[in-house]
Amino acid sequence: MKRLITHLALPVLALLIALPGISLAQEPVKHETDTVTVKATIDSIDHDTRMVTLKDKDGKVTQIYAGPEVRRFDELKVGDVVTFVINESVVYTIRKPGESVPPDKKDDPAIVRDAASAKPGGTKTTQETKTVTVKAIDPKTSAVTIQTEDGKTSTHKVNDKNIVKNIKVGDRVVITYTKAVAISIE
């Protein structure tokens, strides 16, 4: 089953820990990716507000704002088919107490636009690295309490009980989350 990981914050660790069949102790680095492709047709365009109404094959309507970074907005037309390819990747590693970890960081988005001769389109990529510390483990309920570098704590139920057996209080999880959204017009 495909998973679409949508936020880095604290829920990302819950998703990572809950991934079935993955044991964090088997290898120091784990990698999880997911790609989703969505196609929709432009149903209407409000040029004053830069709102674009899209309709998918099932008739579901969604409005999106095409911000100023969409430089070729005026080239969009009702009836154009828009393809969104969303690729999300999470790389994480477990560090034992005393091992060094990289600082938390959030890179500025990188935007690559398609060539001027092509139809409007481009890719926006963002990347963020966070470290959380395992503060408590409840093996009876398969719950793990984590703390972010800024002191926020949360508790998450773990689906794979082997993970609970293989992590220890004090372990730190370094998570790098990358999201790339490619948009093209047909």
Foldseek 3Di string as FASTA:
>chain_A
DFDDDDDDPPVVVLVVLQPPPDAQQPDFKDKDKGKDKFKWFFADADVVQQWTWTQGPVRDIDIDHDDVVQPVSVLDDGGWMKMKIKMKMKMKGKAAAPDDDDAWDKDDWDWDWDDPVFRGKTKIKIKTKWKKFFADADLVQQKTWIATPVGDIDIHHGNDSSNSVNDDGGMMMIMMMMMMIIMDID
